[in-house]
Amino acid sequence: MWNEHELSKMVDGGIPFPMLSDSGGNLGRVYGCYDENAGVNIRGRFIIDPDGVIQGYEMLTPPVGRNFDESIRQIKAYQHVRASKGTEATPAEWQPGDPALKVGPNLVGKVWEVWKPKV
């Protein structure tokens, strides 16, 4: 309902992924984001891979909104790492098209040599 009445007016075409409604808090209890005292779910975003494994999550209290662009960036980063079959990692602030880090013993203690953060 929130997507249909609110989000679709803020994001052209709505969001390109499914959202769940959990009015009874059943899923919220499973994922640890249900506030029993208030009787509501805390705002949560979970990135779940095709194998059903939670790769990332974020929970925010209602006064603070989420960053849609950052959610999409993280999903693309997880997709990149998955496509590399774990041979690459994405550093902080990585964007699609940026170089990734080659995972291996040669990287340990030398990330600073290959990763140049955007300042």
PDB file of N, CA and C in Angstrom:
ATOM      1  N   MET A   1       0.825  -1.181   0.000  1.00  0.00           N
ATOM      2  CA  MET A   1       0.000   0.000   0.000  1.00  0.00           C
ATOM      3  C   MET A   1       0.881   1.261   0.000  1.00  0.00           C
ATOM      4  N   TRP A   2       1.967   1.261   0.794  1.00  0.00           N
ATOM      5  CA  TRP A   2       2.861   2.417   0.847  1.00  0.00           C
ATOM      6  C   TRP A   2       3.494   2.660  -0.518  1.00  0.00           C
ATOM      7  N   ASN A   3       3.887   1.593  -1.209  1.00  0.00           N
ATOM      8  CA  ASN A   3       4.478   1.739  -2.541  1.00  0.00           C
ATOM      9  C   ASN A   3       3.467   2.336  -3.516  1.00  0.00           C
ATOM     10  N   GLU A   4       2.239   1.855  -3.476  1.00  0.00           N
ATOM     11  CA  GLU A   4       1.209   2.327  -4.403  1.00  0.00           C
ATOM     12  C   GLU A   4       0.805   3.782  -4.134  1.00  0.00           C
ATOM     13  N   HIS A   5       0.672   4.153  -2.879  1.00  0.00           N
ATOM     14  CA  HIS A   5       0.135   5.472  -2.540  1.00  0.00           C
ATOM     15  C   HIS A   5       1.198   6.540  -2.282  1.00  0.00           C
ATOM     16  N   GLU A   6       2.409   6.151  -1.949  1.00  0.00           N
ATOM     17  CA  GLU A   6       3.446   7.126  -1.611  1.00  0.00           C
ATOM     18  C   GLU A   6       4.672   6.999  -2.504  1.00  0.00           C
ATOM     19  N   LEU A   7       5.326   5.843  -2.442  1.00  0.00           N
ATOM     20  CA  LEU A   7       6.607   5.681  -3.118  1.00  0.00           C
ATOM     21  C   LEU A   7       6.500   5.843  -4.627  1.00  0.00           C
ATOM     22  N   SER A   8       5.422   5.383  -5.223  1.00  0.00           N
ATOM     23  CA  SER A   8       5.260   5.502  -6.672  1.00  0.00           C
ATOM     24  C   SER A   8       5.181   6.968  -7.116  1.00  0.00           C
ATOM     25  N   LYS A   9       4.833   7.852  -6.192  1.00  0.00           N
ATOM     26  CA  LYS A   9       4.798   9.285  -6.506  1.00  0.00           C
ATOM     27  C   LYS A   9       6.174   9.934  -6.313  1.00  0.00           C
ATOM     28  N   MET A  10       7.067   9.267  -5.573  1.00  0.00           N
ATOM     29  CA  MET A  10       8.404   9.804  -5.315  1.00  0.00           C
ATOM     30  C   MET A  10       9.455   9.225  -6.249  1.00  0.00           C
ATOM     31  N   VAL A  11       9.240   7.994  -6.732  1.00  0.00           N
ATOM     32  CA  VAL A  11      10.185   7.309  -7.611  1.00  0.00           C
ATOM     33  C   VAL A  11       9.439   6.965  -8.894  1.00  0.00           C
ATOM     34  N   ASP A  12       9.881   7.506 -10.021  1.00  0.00           N
ATOM     35  CA  ASP A  12       9.210   7.232 -11.298  1.00  0.00           C
ATOM     36  C   ASP A  12       9.044   5.738 -11.521  1.00  0.00           C
ATOM     37  N   GLY A  13       7.823   5.297 -11.676  1.00  0.00           N
ATOM     38  CA  GLY A  13       7.545   3.888 -11.936  1.00  0.00           C
ATOM     39  C   GLY A  13       7.581   3.010 -10.703  1.00  0.00           C
ATOM     40  N   GLY A  14       7.766   3.591  -9.533  1.00  0.00           N
ATOM     41  CA  GLY A  14       7.852   2.792  -8.313  1.00  0.00           C
ATOM     42  C   GLY A  14       9.202   2.112  -8.199  1.00  0.00           C
ATOM     43  N   ILE A  15       9.324   1.214  -7.272  1.00  0.00           N
ATOM     44  CA  ILE A  15      10.602   0.535  -7.078  1.00  0.00           C
ATOM     45  C   ILE A  15      10.644  -0.750  -7.896  1.00  0.00           C
ATOM     46  N   PRO A  16      11.833  -1.121  -8.393  1.00  0.00           N
ATOM     47  CA  PRO A  16      11.929  -2.278  -9.297  1.00  0.00           C
ATOM     48  C   PRO A  16      12.140  -3.607  -8.585  1.00  0.00           C
ATOM     49  N   PHE A  17      11.682  -3.729  -7.355  1.00  0.00           N
ATOM     50  CA  PHE A  17      11.809  -4.984  -6.627  1.00  0.00           C
ATOM     51  C   PHE A  17      10.621  -5.119  -5.685  1.00  0.00           C
ATOM     52  N   PRO A  18      10.323  -6.339  -5.249  1.00  0.00           N
ATOM     53  CA  PRO A  18       9.151  -6.532  -4.392  1.00  0.00           C
ATOM     54  C   PRO A  18       9.379  -6.028  -2.969  1.00  0.00           C
ATOM     55  N   MET A  19       8.322  -5.513  -2.380  1.00  0.00           N
ATOM     56  CA  MET A  19       8.320  -5.129  -0.966  1.00  0.00           C
ATOM     57  C   MET A  19       7.293  -6.004  -0.270  1.00  0.00           C
ATOM     58  N   LEU A  20       7.534  -6.294   0.978  1.00  0.00           N
ATOM     59  CA  LEU A  20       6.618  -7.130   1.744  1.00  0.00           C
ATOM     60  C   LEU A  20       5.889  -6.297   2.779  1.00  0.00           C
ATOM     61  N   SER A  21       4.677  -6.704   3.089  1.00  0.00           N
ATOM     62  CA  SER A  21       3.927  -6.109   4.178  1.00  0.00           C
ATOM     63  C   SER A  21       3.840  -7.154   5.276  1.00  0.00           C
ATOM     64  N   ASP A  22       4.042  -6.746   6.505  1.00  0.00           N
ATOM     65  CA  ASP A  22       4.085  -7.682   7.625  1.00  0.00           C
ATOM     66  C   ASP A  22       3.315  -7.108   8.801  1.00  0.00           C
ATOM     67  N   SER A  23       2.015  -6.886   8.604  1.00  0.00           N
ATOM     68  CA  SER A  23       1.215  -6.213   9.629  1.00  0.00           C
ATOM     69  C   SER A  23       1.171  -6.982  10.946  1.00  0.00           C
ATOM     70  N   GLY A  24       1.308  -8.286  10.930  1.00  0.00           N
ATOM     71  CA  GLY A  24       1.283  -9.074  12.169  1.00  0.00           C
ATOM     72  C   GLY A  24       2.643  -9.215  12.823  1.00  0.00           C
ATOM     73  N   GLY A  25       3.698  -8.777  12.139  1.00  0.00           N
ATOM     74  CA  GLY A  25       5.041  -8.853  12.709  1.00  0.00           C
ATOM     75  C   GLY A  25       5.684 -10.223  12.648  1.00  0.00           C
ATOM     76  N   ASN A  26       5.084 -11.157  11.908  1.00  0.00           N
ATOM     77  CA  ASN A  26       5.646 -12.512  11.854  1.00  0.00           C
ATOM     78  C   ASN A  26       7.036 -12.546  11.222  1.00  0.00           C
ATOM     79  N   LEU A  27       7.189 -11.912  10.071  1.00  0.00           N
ATOM     80  CA  LEU A  27       8.509 -11.854   9.431  1.00  0.00           C
ATOM     81  C   LEU A  27       9.477 -11.004  10.244  1.00  0.00           C
ATOM     82  N   GLY A  28       8.989  -9.909  10.785  1.00  0.00           N
ATOM     83  CA  GLY A  28       9.822  -9.037  11.602  1.00  0.00           C
ATOM     84  C   GLY A  28      10.441  -9.769  12.782  1.00  0.00           C
ATOM     85  N   ARG A  29       9.693 -10.657  13.392  1.00  0.00           N
ATOM     86  CA  ARG A  29      10.229 -11.443  14.499  1.00  0.00           C
ATOM     87  C   ARG A  29      11.347 -12.363  14.007  1.00  0.00           C
ATOM     88  N   VAL A  30      11.141 -12.996  12.863  1.00  0.00           N
ATOM     89  CA  VAL A  30      12.156 -13.895  12.300  1.00  0.00           C
ATOM     90  C   VAL A  30      13.447 -13.134  12.005  1.00  0.00           C
ATOM     91  N   TYR A  31      13.325 -11.936  11.445  1.00  0.00           N
ATOM     92  CA  TYR A  31      14.496 -11.149  11.050  1.00  0.00           C
ATOM     93  C   TYR A  31      15.006 -10.219  12.165  1.00  0.00           C
ATOM     94  N   GLY A  32      14.368 -10.247  13.314  1.00  0.00           N
ATOM     95  CA  GLY A  32      14.839  -9.460  14.451  1.00  0.00           C
ATOM     96  C   GLY A  32      14.577  -7.973  14.355  1.00  0.00           C
ATOM     97  N   CYS A  33      13.537  -7.589  13.612  1.00  0.00           N
ATOM     98  CA  CYS A  33      13.260  -6.153  13.483  1.00  0.00           C
ATOM     99  C   CYS A  33      11.842  -5.796  13.940  1.00  0.00           C
ATOM    100  N   TYR A  34      11.251  -6.633  14.773  1.00  0.00           N
ATOM    101  CA  TYR A  34       9.922  -6.340  15.298  1.00  0.00           C
ATOM    102  C   TYR A  34      10.057  -5.775  16.704  1.00  0.00           C
ATOM    103  N   ASP A  35       9.460  -4.631  16.941  1.00  0.00           N
ATOM    104  CA  ASP A  35       9.465  -3.992  18.255  1.00  0.00           C
ATOM    105  C   ASP A  35       8.207  -4.449  18.994  1.00  0.00           C
ATOM    106  N   GLU A  36       8.376  -5.402  19.915  1.00  0.00           N
ATOM    107  CA  GLU A  36       7.235  -5.978  20.641  1.00  0.00           C
ATOM    108  C   GLU A  36       6.486  -4.909  21.446  1.00  0.00           C
ATOM    109  N   ASN A  37       7.223  -3.989  22.060  1.00  0.00           N
ATOM    110  CA  ASN A  37       6.578  -2.965  22.896  1.00  0.00           C
ATOM    111  C   ASN A  37       5.687  -2.038  22.074  1.00  0.00           C
ATOM    112  N   ALA A  38       6.165  -1.637  20.900  1.00  0.00           N
ATOM    113  CA  ALA A  38       5.393  -0.725  20.047  1.00  0.00           C
ATOM    114  C   ALA A  38       4.417  -1.480  19.146  1.00  0.00           C
ATOM    115  N   GLY A  39       4.642  -2.778  18.959  1.00  0.00           N
ATOM    116  CA  GLY A  39       3.770  -3.575  18.097  1.00  0.00           C
ATOM    117  C   GLY A  39       3.941  -3.287  16.616  1.00  0.00           C
ATOM    118  N   VAL A  40       5.155  -2.857  16.231  1.00  0.00           N
ATOM    119  CA  VAL A  40       5.431  -2.541  14.828  1.00  0.00           C
ATOM    120  C   VAL A  40       6.826  -3.038  14.442  1.00  0.00           C
ATOM    121  N   ASN A  41       7.016  -3.181  13.134  1.00  0.00           N
ATOM    122  CA  ASN A  41       8.342  -3.498  12.619  1.00  0.00           C
ATOM    123  C   ASN A  41       9.178  -2.229  12.550  1.00  0.00           C
ATOM    124  N   ILE A  42      10.449  -2.349  12.854  1.00  0.00           N
ATOM    125  CA  ILE A  42      11.399  -1.269  12.633  1.00  0.00           C
ATOM    126  C   ILE A  42      11.723  -1.321  11.149  1.00  0.00           C
ATOM    127  N   ARG A  43      11.924  -0.169  10.527  1.00  0.00           N
ATOM    128  CA  ARG A  43      12.231  -0.146   9.098  1.00  0.00           C
ATOM    129  C   ARG A  43      13.479  -0.970   8.822  1.00  0.00           C
ATOM    130  N   GLY A  44      13.333  -1.942   7.959  1.00  0.00           N
ATOM    131  CA  GLY A  44      14.465  -2.801   7.644  1.00  0.00           C
ATOM    132  C   GLY A  44      14.603  -3.018   6.153  1.00  0.00           C
ATOM    133  N   ARG A  45      15.848  -3.163   5.724  1.00  0.00           N
ATOM    134  CA  ARG A  45      16.155  -3.500   4.335  1.00  0.00           C
ATOM    135  C   ARG A  45      17.121  -4.655   4.385  1.00  0.00           C
ATOM    136  N   PHE A  46      16.765  -5.744   3.713  1.00  0.00           N
ATOM    137  CA  PHE A  46      17.582  -6.942   3.707  1.00  0.00           C
ATOM    138  C   PHE A  46      17.940  -7.281   2.266  1.00  0.00           C
ATOM    139  N   ILE A  47      19.218  -7.496   2.017  1.00  0.00           N
ATOM    140  CA  ILE A  47      19.667  -7.938   0.696  1.00  0.00           C
ATOM    141  C   ILE A  47      19.884  -9.438   0.805  1.00  0.00           C
ATOM    142  N   ILE A  48      19.050 -10.188   0.088  1.00  0.00           N
ATOM    143  CA  ILE A  48      19.077 -11.644   0.159  1.00  0.00           C
ATOM    144  C   ILE A  48      19.496 -12.168  -1.209  1.00  0.00           C
ATOM    145  N   ASP A  49      20.544 -12.991  -1.229  1.00  0.00           N
ATOM    146  CA  ASP A  49      21.064 -13.479  -2.506  1.00  0.00           C
ATOM    147  C   ASP A  49      20.188 -14.592  -3.077  1.00  0.00           C
ATOM    148  N   PRO A  50      20.455 -15.023  -4.312  1.00  0.00           N
ATOM    149  CA  PRO A  50      19.628 -16.061  -4.936  1.00  0.00           C
ATOM    150  C   PRO A  50      19.612 -17.389  -4.176  1.00  0.00           C
ATOM    151  N   ASP A  51      20.585 -17.604  -3.276  1.00  0.00           N
ATOM    152  CA  ASP A  51      20.615 -18.823  -2.469  1.00  0.00           C
ATOM    153  C   ASP A  51      19.842 -18.673  -1.164  1.00  0.00           C
ATOM    154  N   GLY A  52      19.242 -17.492  -0.959  1.00  0.00           N
ATOM    155  CA  GLY A  52      18.464 -17.249   0.246  1.00  0.00           C
ATOM    156  C   GLY A  52      19.297 -16.797   1.437  1.00  0.00           C
ATOM    157  N   VAL A  53      20.543 -16.405   1.217  1.00  0.00           N
ATOM    158  CA  VAL A  53      21.433 -15.978   2.288  1.00  0.00           C
ATOM    159  C   VAL A  53      21.398 -14.454   2.404  1.00  0.00           C
ATOM    160  N   ILE A  54      21.214 -13.961   3.624  1.00  0.00           N
ATOM    161  CA  ILE A  54      21.241 -12.514   3.843  1.00  0.00           C
ATOM    162  C   ILE A  54      22.679 -12.043   3.684  1.00  0.00           C
ATOM    163  N   GLN A  55      22.896 -11.156   2.722  1.00  0.00           N
ATOM    164  CA  GLN A  55      24.230 -10.612   2.468  1.00  0.00           C
ATOM    165  C   GLN A  55      24.419  -9.245   3.117  1.00  0.00           C
ATOM    166  N   GLY A  56      23.336  -8.522   3.333  1.00  0.00           N
ATOM    167  CA  GLY A  56      23.421  -7.210   3.946  1.00  0.00           C
ATOM    168  C   GLY A  56      22.070  -6.822   4.508  1.00  0.00           C
ATOM    169  N   TYR A  57      22.103  -5.984   5.524  1.00  0.00           N
ATOM    170  CA  TYR A  57      20.845  -5.476   6.067  1.00  0.00           C
ATOM    171  C   TYR A  57      21.091  -4.142   6.745  1.00  0.00           C
ATOM    172  N   GLU A  58      20.018  -3.409   6.893  1.00  0.00           N
ATOM    173  CA  GLU A  58      20.063  -2.105   7.550  1.00  0.00           C
ATOM    174  C   GLU A  58      18.733  -1.901   8.253  1.00  0.00           C
ATOM    175  N   MET A  59      18.786  -1.448   9.492  1.00  0.00           N
ATOM    176  CA  MET A  59      17.559  -1.129  10.217  1.00  0.00           C
ATOM    177  C   MET A  59      17.663   0.301  10.728  1.00  0.00           C
ATOM    178  N   LEU A  60      16.628   1.080  10.462  1.00  0.00           N
ATOM    179  CA  LEU A  60      16.601   2.479  10.857  1.00  0.00           C
ATOM    180  C   LEU A  60      15.302   2.774  11.598  1.00  0.00           C
ATOM    181  N   THR A  61      15.362   3.654  12.565  1.00  0.00           N
ATOM    182  CA  THR A  61      14.142   4.082  13.240  1.00  0.00           C
ATOM    183  C   THR A  61      13.389   5.046  12.319  1.00  0.00           C
ATOM    184  N   PRO A  62      12.089   5.188  12.493  1.00  0.00           N
ATOM    185  CA  PRO A  62      11.271   5.978  11.566  1.00  0.00           C
ATOM    186  C   PRO A  62      11.723   7.400  11.247  1.00  0.00           C
ATOM    187  N   PRO A  63      12.379   8.140  12.130  1.00  0.00           N
ATOM    188  CA  PRO A  63      12.714   9.511  11.748  1.00  0.00           C
ATOM    189  C   PRO A  63      13.768   9.625  10.651  1.00  0.00           C
ATOM    190  N   VAL A  64      14.496   8.542  10.371  1.00  0.00           N
ATOM    191  CA  VAL A  64      15.577   8.609   9.386  1.00  0.00           C
ATOM    192  C   VAL A  64      15.203   7.773   8.163  1.00  0.00           C
ATOM    193  N   GLY A  65      15.225   8.405   6.993  1.00  0.00           N
ATOM    194  CA  GLY A  65      14.890   7.714   5.753  1.00  0.00           C
ATOM    195  C   GLY A  65      16.075   6.961   5.181  1.00  0.00           C
ATOM    196  N   ARG A  66      15.776   6.022   4.314  1.00  0.00           N
ATOM    197  CA  ARG A  66      16.812   5.229   3.668  1.00  0.00           C
ATOM    198  C   ARG A  66      17.282   5.909   2.394  1.00  0.00           C
ATOM    199  N   ASN A  67      18.420   5.457   1.881  1.00  0.00           N
ATOM    200  CA  ASN A  67      18.985   6.011   0.661  1.00  0.00           C
ATOM    201  C   ASN A  67      18.820   4.977  -0.453  1.00  0.00           C
ATOM    202  N   PHE A  68      17.886   5.229  -1.345  1.00  0.00           N
ATOM    203  CA  PHE A  68      17.577   4.287  -2.414  1.00  0.00           C
ATOM    204  C   PHE A  68      18.792   4.041  -3.307  1.00  0.00           C
ATOM    205  N   ASP A  69      19.524   5.108  -3.655  1.00  0.00           N
ATOM    206  CA  ASP A  69      20.710   4.952  -4.509  1.00  0.00           C
ATOM    207  C   ASP A  69      21.750   4.052  -3.851  1.00  0.00           C
ATOM    208  N   GLU A  70      21.932   4.192  -2.544  1.00  0.00           N
ATOM    209  CA  GLU A  70      22.902   3.351  -1.840  1.00  0.00           C
ATOM    210  C   GLU A  70      22.449   1.896  -1.821  1.00  0.00           C
ATOM    211  N   SER A  71      21.161   1.659  -1.680  1.00  0.00           N
ATOM    212  CA  SER A  71      20.647   0.286  -1.720  1.00  0.00           C
ATOM    213  C   SER A  71      20.945  -0.353  -3.067  1.00  0.00           C
ATOM    214  N   ILE A  72      20.693   0.369  -4.145  1.00  0.00           N
ATOM    215  CA  ILE A  72      20.959  -0.148  -5.488  1.00  0.00           C
ATOM    216  C   ILE A  72      22.461  -0.371  -5.689  1.00  0.00           C
ATOM    217  N   ARG A  73      23.291   0.558  -5.197  1.00  0.00           N
ATOM    218  CA  ARG A  73      24.747   0.403  -5.313  1.00  0.00           C
ATOM    219  C   ARG A  73      25.204  -0.874  -4.608  1.00  0.00           C
ATOM    220  N   GLN A  74      24.678  -1.119  -3.427  1.00  0.00           N
ATOM    221  CA  GLN A  74      25.063  -2.314  -2.683  1.00  0.00           C
ATOM    222  C   GLN A  74      24.606  -3.585  -3.400  1.00  0.00           C
ATOM    223  N   ILE A  75      23.399  -3.580  -3.931  1.00  0.00           N
ATOM    224  CA  ILE A  75      22.911  -4.756  -4.673  1.00  0.00           C
ATOM    225  C   ILE A  75      23.823  -5.029  -5.864  1.00  0.00           C
ATOM    226  N   LYS A  76      24.189  -3.982  -6.602  1.00  0.00           N
ATOM    227  CA  LYS A  76      25.085  -4.154  -7.755  1.00  0.00           C
ATOM    228  C   LYS A  76      26.464  -4.640  -7.316  1.00  0.00           C
ATOM    229  N   ALA A  77      26.941  -4.173  -6.170  1.00  0.00           N
ATOM    230  CA  ALA A  77      28.236  -4.633  -5.655  1.00  0.00           C
ATOM    231  C   ALA A  77      28.167  -6.124  -5.315  1.00  0.00           C
ATOM    232  N   TYR A  78      27.093  -6.553  -4.647  1.00  0.00           N
ATOM    233  CA  TYR A  78      26.939  -7.978  -4.335  1.00  0.00           C
ATOM    234  C   TYR A  78      26.833  -8.802  -5.620  1.00  0.00           C
ATOM    235  N   GLN A  79      26.133  -8.291  -6.617  1.00  0.00           N
ATOM    236  CA  GLN A  79      26.033  -8.994  -7.897  1.00  0.00           C
ATOM    237  C   GLN A  79      27.402  -9.115  -8.561  1.00  0.00           C
ATOM    238  N   HIS A  80      28.207  -8.046  -8.478  1.00  0.00           N
ATOM    239  CA  HIS A  80      29.549  -8.068  -9.064  1.00  0.00           C
ATOM    240  C   HIS A  80      30.416  -9.130  -8.378  1.00  0.00           C
ATOM    241  N   VAL A  81      30.393  -9.127  -7.063  1.00  0.00           N
ATOM    242  CA  VAL A  81      31.192 -10.101  -6.309  1.00  0.00           C
ATOM    243  C   VAL A  81      30.727 -11.521  -6.626  1.00  0.00           C
ATOM    244  N   ARG A  82      29.426 -11.713  -6.696  1.00  0.00           N
ATOM    245  CA  ARG A  82      28.892 -13.056  -7.003  1.00  0.00           C
ATOM    246  C   ARG A  82      29.307 -13.490  -8.403  1.00  0.00           C
ATOM    247  N   ALA A  83      29.250 -12.566  -9.366  1.00  0.00           N
ATOM    248  CA  ALA A  83      29.632 -12.892 -10.743  1.00  0.00           C
ATOM    249  C   ALA A  83      31.120 -13.245 -10.834  1.00  0.00           C
ATOM    250  N   SER A  84      31.930 -12.665  -9.943  1.00  0.00           N
ATOM    251  CA  SER A  84      33.373 -12.970  -9.956  1.00  0.00           C
ATOM    252  C   SER A  84      33.661 -14.284  -9.236  1.00  0.00           C
ATOM    253  N   LYS A  85      32.631 -14.912  -8.698  1.00  0.00           N
ATOM    254  CA  LYS A  85      32.749 -16.147  -7.934  1.00  0.00           C
ATOM    255  C   LYS A  85      33.667 -15.973  -6.727  1.00  0.00           C
ATOM    256  N   GLY A  86      33.615 -14.768  -6.138  1.00  0.00           N
ATOM    257  CA  GLY A  86      34.366 -14.488  -4.927  1.00  0.00           C
ATOM    258  C   GLY A  86      35.824 -14.132  -5.142  1.00  0.00           C
ATOM    259  N   THR A  87      36.235 -13.944  -6.399  1.00  0.00           N
ATOM    260  CA  THR A  87      37.634 -13.591  -6.653  1.00  0.00           C
ATOM    261  C   THR A  87      37.872 -12.089  -6.557  1.00  0.00           C
ATOM    262  N   GLU A  88      36.785 -11.314  -6.473  1.00  0.00           N
ATOM    263  CA  GLU A  88      36.899  -9.864  -6.363  1.00  0.00           C
ATOM    264  C   GLU A  88      36.060  -9.362  -5.195  1.00  0.00           C
ATOM    265  N   ALA A  89      36.481  -8.238  -4.648  1.00  0.00           N
ATOM    266  CA  ALA A  89      35.746  -7.554  -3.585  1.00  0.00           C
ATOM    267  C   ALA A  89      35.584  -6.097  -3.990  1.00  0.00           C
ATOM    268  N   THR A  90      34.520  -5.488  -3.540  1.00  0.00           N
ATOM    269  CA  THR A  90      34.297  -4.075  -3.866  1.00  0.00           C
ATOM    270  C   THR A  90      34.635  -3.230  -2.654  1.00  0.00           C
ATOM    271  N   PRO A  91      35.544  -2.271  -2.813  1.00  0.00           N
ATOM    272  CA  PRO A  91      35.918  -1.419  -1.686  1.00  0.00           C
ATOM    273  C   PRO A  91      34.837  -0.391  -1.370  1.00  0.00           C
ATOM    274  N   ALA A  92      35.033   0.343  -0.297  1.00  0.00           N
ATOM    275  CA  ALA A  92      34.102   1.411   0.093  1.00  0.00           C
ATOM    276  C   ALA A  92      33.917   2.380  -1.071  1.00  0.00           C
ATOM    277  N   GLU A  93      32.706   2.841  -1.234  1.00  0.00           N
ATOM    278  CA  GLU A  93      32.328   3.798  -2.280  1.00  0.00           C
ATOM    279  C   GLU A  93      32.434   3.244  -3.699  1.00  0.00           C
ATOM    280  N   TRP A  94      32.636   1.941  -3.855  1.00  0.00           N
ATOM    281  CA  TRP A  94      32.700   1.326  -5.178  1.00  0.00           C
ATOM    282  C   TRP A  94      31.415   1.620  -5.937  1.00  0.00           C
ATOM    283  N   GLN A  95      31.557   1.907  -7.217  1.00  0.00           N
ATOM    284  CA  GLN A  95      30.422   2.118  -8.117  1.00  0.00           C
ATOM    285  C   GLN A  95      30.566   1.165  -9.294  1.00  0.00           C
ATOM    286  N   PRO A  96      29.451   0.734  -9.890  1.00  0.00           N
ATOM    287  CA  PRO A  96      29.549  -0.114 -11.073  1.00  0.00           C
ATOM    288  C   PRO A  96      30.463   0.520 -12.118  1.00  0.00           C
ATOM    289  N   GLY A  97      31.386  -0.262 -12.640  1.00  0.00           N
ATOM    290  CA  GLY A  97      32.359   0.229 -13.611  1.00  0.00           C
ATOM    291  C   GLY A  97      33.694   0.564 -12.978  1.00  0.00           C
ATOM    292  N   ASP A  98      33.723   0.785 -11.655  1.00  0.00           N
ATOM    293  CA  ASP A  98      34.983   1.024 -10.956  1.00  0.00           C
ATOM    294  C   ASP A  98      35.760  -0.281 -10.849  1.00  0.00           C
ATOM    295  N   PRO A  99      37.084  -0.190 -10.707  1.00  0.00           N
ATOM    296  CA  PRO A  99      37.849  -1.423 -10.501  1.00  0.00           C
ATOM    297  C   PRO A  99      37.514  -2.030  -9.140  1.00  0.00           C
ATOM    298  N   ALA A 100      37.580  -3.342  -9.087  1.00  0.00           N
ATOM    299  CA  ALA A 100      37.369  -4.059  -7.834  1.00  0.00           C
ATOM    300  C   ALA A 100      38.725  -4.566  -7.350  1.00  0.00           C
ATOM    301  N   LEU A 101      38.757  -5.056  -6.142  1.00  0.00           N
ATOM    302  CA  LEU A 101      39.990  -5.600  -5.569  1.00  0.00           C
ATOM    303  C   LEU A 101      40.062  -7.092  -5.861  1.00  0.00           C
ATOM    304  N   LYS A 102      41.216  -7.570  -6.258  1.00  0.00           N
ATOM    305  CA  LYS A 102      41.430  -9.002  -6.485  1.00  0.00           C
ATOM    306  C   LYS A 102      41.715  -9.645  -5.140  1.00  0.00           C
ATOM    307  N   VAL A 103      40.858 -10.549  -4.732  1.00  0.00           N
ATOM    308  CA  VAL A 103      40.984 -11.194  -3.434  1.00  0.00           C
ATOM    309  C   VAL A 103      42.124 -12.202  -3.469  1.00  0.00           C
ATOM    310  N   GLY A 104      42.919 -12.226  -2.411  1.00  0.00           N
ATOM    311  CA  GLY A 104      43.996 -13.201  -2.298  1.00  0.00           C
ATOM    312  C   GLY A 104      45.007 -12.785  -1.252  1.00  0.00           C
ATOM    313  N   PRO A 105      45.947 -13.668  -0.945  1.00  0.00           N
ATOM    314  CA  PRO A 105      46.934 -13.369   0.090  1.00  0.00           C
ATOM    315  C   PRO A 105      47.786 -12.142  -0.227  1.00  0.00           C
ATOM    316  N   ASN A 106      47.966 -11.822  -1.506  1.00  0.00           N
ATOM    317  CA  ASN A 106      48.771 -10.655  -1.869  1.00  0.00           C
ATOM    318  C   ASN A 106      48.108  -9.343  -1.489  1.00  0.00           C
ATOM    319  N   LEU A 107      46.809  -9.377  -1.218  1.00  0.00           N
ATOM    320  CA  LEU A 107      46.076  -8.161  -0.870  1.00  0.00           C
ATOM    321  C   LEU A 107      46.175  -7.834   0.624  1.00  0.00           C
ATOM    322  N   VAL A 108      46.410  -8.851   1.435  1.00  0.00           N
ATOM    323  CA  VAL A 108      46.432  -8.673   2.892  1.00  0.00           C
ATOM    324  C   VAL A 108      47.511  -7.662   3.287  1.00  0.00           C
ATOM    325  N   GLY A 109      47.086  -6.633   3.993  1.00  0.00           N
ATOM    326  CA  GLY A 109      47.995  -5.593   4.447  1.00  0.00           C
ATOM    327  C   GLY A 109      48.423  -4.620   3.363  1.00  0.00           C
ATOM    328  N   LYS A 110      47.876  -4.784   2.148  1.00  0.00           N
ATOM    329  CA  LYS A 110      48.277  -3.916   1.038  1.00  0.00           C
ATOM    330  C   LYS A 110      47.099  -3.274   0.317  1.00  0.00           C
ATOM    331  N   VAL A 111      45.934  -3.316   0.941  1.00  0.00           N
ATOM    332  CA  VAL A 111      44.755  -2.716   0.309  1.00  0.00           C
ATOM    333  C   VAL A 111      45.037  -1.257  -0.022  1.00  0.00           C
ATOM    334  N   TRP A 112      45.722  -0.565   0.856  1.00  0.00           N
ATOM    335  CA  TRP A 112      46.011   0.852   0.658  1.00  0.00           C
ATOM    336  C   TRP A 112      46.808   1.099  -0.613  1.00  0.00           C
ATOM    337  N   GLU A 113      47.562   0.106  -1.067  1.00  0.00           N
ATOM    338  CA  GLU A 113      48.369   0.274  -2.282  1.00  0.00           C
ATOM    339  C   GLU A 113      47.527   0.253  -3.561  1.00  0.00           C
ATOM    340  N   VAL A 114      46.407  -0.489  -3.509  1.00  0.00           N
ATOM    341  CA  VAL A 114      45.604  -0.658  -4.716  1.00  0.00           C
ATOM    342  C   VAL A 114      44.287   0.097  -4.687  1.00  0.00           C
ATOM    343  N   TRP A 115      43.835   0.449  -3.501  1.00  0.00           N
ATOM    344  CA  TRP A 115      42.556   1.135  -3.375  1.00  0.00           C
ATOM    345  C   TRP A 115      42.789   2.607  -3.080  1.00  0.00           C
ATOM    346  N   LYS A 116      42.270   3.421  -3.939  1.00  0.00           N
ATOM    347  CA  LYS A 116      42.388   4.875  -3.775  1.00  0.00           C
ATOM    348  C   LYS A 116      40.986   5.434  -3.583  1.00  0.00           C
ATOM    349  N   PRO A 117      40.610   5.738  -2.328  1.00  0.00           N
ATOM    350  CA  PRO A 117      39.257   6.249  -2.095  1.00  0.00           C
ATOM    351  C   PRO A 117      39.055   7.605  -2.751  1.00  0.00           C
ATOM    352  N   LYS A 118      37.813   7.849  -3.136  1.00  0.00           N
ATOM    353  CA  LYS A 118      37.456   9.148  -3.703  1.00  0.00           C
ATOM    354  C   LYS A 118      37.367  10.155  -2.563  1.00  0.00           C
ATOM    355  N   VAL A 119      38.057  11.255  -2.703  1.00  0.00           N
ATOM    356  CA  VAL A 119      38.065  12.251  -1.612  1.00  0.00           C
ATOM    357  C   VAL A 119      37.290  13.471  -2.031  1.00  0.00           C
TER     358      VAL A 119
END
